[in-house]
Amino acid sequence: MRPKIVDEKNRFGDFEIDTVIGKNHKGALLTMNDRVSSLVFIRKLVSKDAIPVSSQTIETLNLLKIYYILLLLIMEKNFLIIKLSLKI
């Protein structure tokens, strides 16, 4: 059961994570869907075992953290540019 705040879909980063198993149980994908932005990450898994799945999940979340920080920096820079241009 998920927390109520997740059902409100107000914050970025609440992911629904699942695996998709291939035909005849050959191959697998990791899917990570952000509930607010509908951003989807799909990664090919080397194995369906718990350790490779959790490793891919953590690796993807770490990449997302880098993108999120870069996005915040870009937004902050754009805000600063707008703020400076309004002062002139």
N, C-alpha and C. Protein backbone atom coordinates (compact mmCIF):
# COMPACT_ATOMS: atom_id res chain seq x y z
N MET A 1 0.85 -1.18 0.00
CA MET A 1 0.00 0.00 0.00
C MET A 1 0.89 1.24 0.00
N ARG A 2 0.61 2.18 -0.90
CA ARG A 2 1.44 3.38 -1.00
C ARG A 2 0.93 4.49 -0.09
N PRO A 3 1.82 5.37 0.33
CA PRO A 3 1.42 6.49 1.17
C PRO A 3 0.43 7.41 0.44
N LYS A 4 -0.43 8.10 1.19
CA LYS A 4 -1.43 8.99 0.60
C LYS A 4 -0.81 10.09 -0.24
N ILE A 5 0.34 10.62 0.20
CA ILE A 5 0.98 11.71 -0.54
C ILE A 5 1.37 11.29 -1.96
N VAL A 6 1.69 10.03 -2.15
CA VAL A 6 2.04 9.52 -3.48
C VAL A 6 0.80 9.53 -4.37
N ASP A 7 -0.35 9.17 -3.82
CA ASP A 7 -1.60 9.17 -4.60
C ASP A 7 -2.02 10.56 -5.04
N GLU A 8 -1.55 11.59 -4.34
CA GLU A 8 -1.91 12.96 -4.71
C GLU A 8 -1.21 13.42 -5.99
N LYS A 9 -0.14 12.74 -6.38
CA LYS A 9 0.63 13.05 -7.60
C LYS A 9 1.04 14.52 -7.65
N ASN A 10 1.58 15.02 -6.54
CA ASN A 10 2.01 16.41 -6.48
C ASN A 10 3.52 16.59 -6.55
N ARG A 11 4.28 15.52 -6.39
CA ARG A 11 5.73 15.69 -6.32
C ARG A 11 6.44 14.76 -7.30
N PHE A 12 7.49 15.29 -7.86
CA PHE A 12 8.33 14.56 -8.80
C PHE A 12 9.16 13.54 -8.03
N GLY A 13 9.34 12.37 -8.58
CA GLY A 13 10.22 11.38 -7.97
C GLY A 13 9.52 10.20 -7.33
N ASP A 14 8.19 10.17 -7.39
CA ASP A 14 7.47 8.99 -6.90
C ASP A 14 7.31 8.04 -8.08
N PHE A 15 8.15 7.02 -8.12
CA PHE A 15 8.19 6.12 -9.26
C PHE A 15 7.39 4.85 -9.03
N GLU A 16 6.79 4.37 -10.10
CA GLU A 16 6.26 3.01 -10.13
C GLU A 16 7.30 2.20 -10.88
N ILE A 17 7.83 1.19 -10.24
CA ILE A 17 8.91 0.40 -10.80
C ILE A 17 8.40 -1.02 -11.04
N ASP A 18 8.72 -1.54 -12.23
CA ASP A 18 8.25 -2.88 -12.58
C ASP A 18 9.27 -3.55 -13.49
N THR A 19 9.10 -4.85 -13.65
CA THR A 19 9.91 -5.58 -14.62
C THR A 19 8.98 -6.16 -15.69
N VAL A 20 9.49 -6.21 -16.90
CA VAL A 20 8.76 -6.81 -18.02
C VAL A 20 9.61 -7.99 -18.48
N ILE A 21 9.02 -9.17 -18.44
CA ILE A 21 9.74 -10.39 -18.78
C ILE A 21 9.43 -10.76 -20.23
N GLY A 22 10.48 -11.12 -20.98
CA GLY A 22 10.33 -11.45 -22.39
C GLY A 22 9.67 -12.80 -22.63
N LYS A 23 9.39 -13.03 -23.91
CA LYS A 23 8.77 -14.29 -24.33
C LYS A 23 9.64 -15.47 -23.90
N ASN A 24 8.99 -16.51 -23.45
CA ASN A 24 9.67 -17.73 -22.95
C ASN A 24 10.64 -17.40 -21.83
N HIS A 25 10.36 -16.33 -21.10
CA HIS A 25 11.17 -15.89 -19.95
C HIS A 25 12.62 -15.60 -20.33
N LYS A 26 12.82 -15.14 -21.56
CA LYS A 26 14.16 -14.76 -22.02
C LYS A 26 14.23 -13.25 -22.10
N GLY A 27 15.15 -12.69 -21.36
CA GLY A 27 15.32 -11.24 -21.34
C GLY A 27 14.32 -10.57 -20.41
N ALA A 28 14.71 -9.39 -19.97
CA ALA A 28 13.83 -8.63 -19.07
C ALA A 28 14.17 -7.15 -19.17
N LEU A 29 13.18 -6.32 -18.89
CA LEU A 29 13.33 -4.88 -18.85
C LEU A 29 12.93 -4.36 -17.48
N LEU A 30 13.59 -3.31 -17.07
CA LEU A 30 13.21 -2.58 -15.86
C LEU A 30 12.51 -1.31 -16.33
N THR A 31 11.30 -1.06 -15.85
CA THR A 31 10.59 0.17 -16.19
C THR A 31 10.40 0.99 -14.93
N MET A 32 10.65 2.30 -15.06
CA MET A 32 10.48 3.22 -13.94
C MET A 32 9.67 4.40 -14.46
N ASN A 33 8.45 4.56 -13.92
CA ASN A 33 7.54 5.61 -14.37
C ASN A 33 7.33 6.62 -13.26
N ASP A 34 7.62 7.90 -13.56
CA ASP A 34 7.34 8.96 -12.59
C ASP A 34 5.85 9.27 -12.67
N ARG A 35 5.18 9.27 -11.53
CA ARG A 35 3.73 9.42 -11.50
C ARG A 35 3.27 10.83 -11.85
N VAL A 36 4.10 11.85 -11.64
CA VAL A 36 3.70 13.23 -11.92
C VAL A 36 4.00 13.62 -13.36
N SER A 37 5.24 13.43 -13.78
CA SER A 37 5.67 13.93 -15.09
C SER A 37 5.44 12.93 -16.22
N SER A 38 5.13 11.69 -15.88
CA SER A 38 5.00 10.59 -16.85
C SER A 38 6.33 10.28 -17.53
N LEU A 39 7.43 10.72 -16.92
CA LEU A 39 8.77 10.41 -17.40
C LEU A 39 9.00 8.92 -17.20
N VAL A 40 9.51 8.24 -18.23
CA VAL A 40 9.69 6.80 -18.16
C VAL A 40 11.15 6.46 -18.46
N PHE A 41 11.72 5.62 -17.63
CA PHE A 41 13.05 5.08 -17.87
C PHE A 41 12.87 3.59 -18.12
N ILE A 42 13.50 3.09 -19.19
CA ILE A 42 13.44 1.66 -19.49
C ILE A 42 14.88 1.19 -19.66
N ARG A 43 15.24 0.19 -18.89
CA ARG A 43 16.60 -0.35 -18.94
C ARG A 43 16.54 -1.85 -19.20
N LYS A 44 17.44 -2.33 -20.05
CA LYS A 44 17.55 -3.76 -20.29
C LYS A 44 18.29 -4.39 -19.11
N LEU A 45 17.75 -5.47 -18.60
CA LEU A 45 18.35 -6.16 -17.46
C LEU A 45 19.22 -7.32 -17.94
N VAL A 46 20.34 -7.51 -17.28
CA VAL A 46 21.20 -8.65 -17.62
C VAL A 46 20.67 -9.93 -16.99
N SER A 47 19.85 -9.79 -15.96
CA SER A 47 19.28 -10.92 -15.25
C SER A 47 18.02 -10.47 -14.52
N LYS A 48 17.14 -11.42 -14.25
CA LYS A 48 15.91 -11.12 -13.50
C LYS A 48 16.10 -11.28 -12.00
N ASP A 49 17.29 -11.63 -11.57
CA ASP A 49 17.56 -11.83 -10.16
C ASP A 49 17.53 -10.50 -9.42
N ALA A 50 17.33 -10.57 -8.12
CA ALA A 50 17.13 -9.38 -7.29
C ALA A 50 18.33 -8.42 -7.31
N ILE A 51 19.54 -8.95 -7.25
CA ILE A 51 20.71 -8.08 -7.17
C ILE A 51 20.91 -7.26 -8.46
N PRO A 52 20.86 -7.87 -9.65
CA PRO A 52 20.98 -7.05 -10.86
C PRO A 52 19.83 -6.04 -11.02
N VAL A 53 18.63 -6.44 -10.64
CA VAL A 53 17.49 -5.52 -10.75
C VAL A 53 17.68 -4.34 -9.81
N SER A 54 18.08 -4.59 -8.58
CA SER A 54 18.28 -3.49 -7.64
C SER A 54 19.46 -2.62 -8.06
N SER A 55 20.51 -3.22 -8.61
CA SER A 55 21.66 -2.45 -9.08
C SER A 55 21.27 -1.51 -10.21
N GLN A 56 20.49 -2.00 -11.17
CA GLN A 56 20.03 -1.16 -12.29
C GLN A 56 19.11 -0.05 -11.78
N THR A 57 18.28 -0.37 -10.81
CA THR A 57 17.38 0.63 -10.23
C THR A 57 18.19 1.76 -9.59
N ILE A 58 19.17 1.40 -8.79
CA ILE A 58 20.00 2.40 -8.11
C ILE A 58 20.79 3.21 -9.13
N GLU A 59 21.35 2.55 -10.13
CA GLU A 59 22.11 3.26 -11.18
C GLU A 59 21.23 4.27 -11.91
N THR A 60 20.01 3.88 -12.22
CA THR A 60 19.09 4.78 -12.91
C THR A 60 18.69 5.95 -12.02
N LEU A 61 18.44 5.68 -10.76
CA LEU A 61 18.09 6.77 -9.83
C LEU A 61 19.26 7.73 -9.64
N ASN A 62 20.49 7.22 -9.65
CA ASN A 62 21.66 8.09 -9.55
C ASN A 62 21.79 8.98 -10.78
N LEU A 63 21.53 8.43 -11.96
CA LEU A 63 21.52 9.24 -13.19
C LEU A 63 20.45 10.32 -13.10
N LEU A 64 19.30 9.94 -12.61
CA LEU A 64 18.20 10.88 -12.48
C LEU A 64 18.57 12.00 -11.52
N LYS A 65 19.28 11.67 -10.46
CA LYS A 65 19.70 12.69 -9.49
C LYS A 65 20.61 13.72 -10.18
N ILE A 66 21.51 13.25 -11.03
CA ILE A 66 22.40 14.17 -11.76
C ILE A 66 21.58 15.06 -12.69
N TYR A 67 20.65 14.48 -13.45
CA TYR A 67 19.80 15.27 -14.35
C TYR A 67 18.97 16.28 -13.56
N TYR A 68 18.47 15.88 -12.43
CA TYR A 68 17.64 16.77 -11.62
C TYR A 68 18.45 17.95 -11.10
N ILE A 69 19.67 17.69 -10.66
CA ILE A 69 20.54 18.78 -10.19
C ILE A 69 20.87 19.73 -11.33
N LEU A 70 21.18 19.17 -12.51
CA LEU A 70 21.46 20.03 -13.67
C LEU A 70 20.24 20.86 -14.05
N LEU A 71 19.07 20.27 -14.00
CA LEU A 71 17.84 21.00 -14.30
C LEU A 71 17.63 22.14 -13.31
N LEU A 72 17.86 21.87 -12.04
CA LEU A 72 17.72 22.93 -11.03
C LEU A 72 18.72 24.06 -11.27
N LEU A 73 19.95 23.71 -11.65
CA LEU A 73 20.96 24.73 -11.93
C LEU A 73 20.57 25.57 -13.14
N ILE A 74 20.06 24.93 -14.18
CA ILE A 74 19.61 25.66 -15.37
C ILE A 74 18.45 26.58 -15.03
N MET A 75 17.50 26.07 -14.25
CA MET A 75 16.35 26.89 -13.85
C MET A 75 16.81 28.08 -13.01
N GLU A 76 17.76 27.83 -12.10
CA GLU A 76 18.26 28.90 -11.24
C GLU A 76 18.99 29.95 -12.09
N LYS A 77 19.78 29.50 -13.06
CA LYS A 77 20.50 30.42 -13.94
C LYS A 77 19.51 31.26 -14.75
N ASN A 78 18.48 30.63 -15.30
CA ASN A 78 17.48 31.36 -16.08
C ASN A 78 16.72 32.35 -15.21
N PHE A 79 16.43 31.96 -13.99
CA PHE A 79 15.75 32.87 -13.08
C PHE A 79 16.63 34.08 -12.78
N LEU A 80 17.93 33.83 -12.57
CA LEU A 80 18.87 34.91 -12.30
C LEU A 80 18.97 35.85 -13.49
N ILE A 81 19.01 35.30 -14.70
CA ILE A 81 19.08 36.13 -15.91
C ILE A 81 17.82 37.00 -16.01
N ILE A 82 16.66 36.41 -15.76
CA ILE A 82 15.41 37.17 -15.83
C ILE A 82 15.41 38.26 -14.77
N LYS A 83 15.84 37.90 -13.56
CA LYS A 83 15.86 38.85 -12.46
C LYS A 83 16.80 40.03 -12.79
N LEU A 84 17.98 39.73 -13.33
CA LEU A 84 18.93 40.77 -13.68
C LEU A 84 18.41 41.65 -14.81
N SER A 85 17.76 41.04 -15.78
CA SER A 85 17.24 41.84 -16.90
C SER A 85 16.10 42.75 -16.48
N LEU A 86 15.36 42.37 -15.46
CA LEU A 86 14.27 43.24 -14.97
C LEU A 86 14.83 44.42 -14.21
N LYS A 87 16.01 44.29 -13.61
CA LYS A 87 16.61 45.40 -12.87
C LYS A 87 17.15 46.48 -13.80
N ILE A 88 17.51 46.12 -15.00
CA ILE A 88 18.11 47.07 -15.94
C ILE A 88 17.10 48.03 -16.51
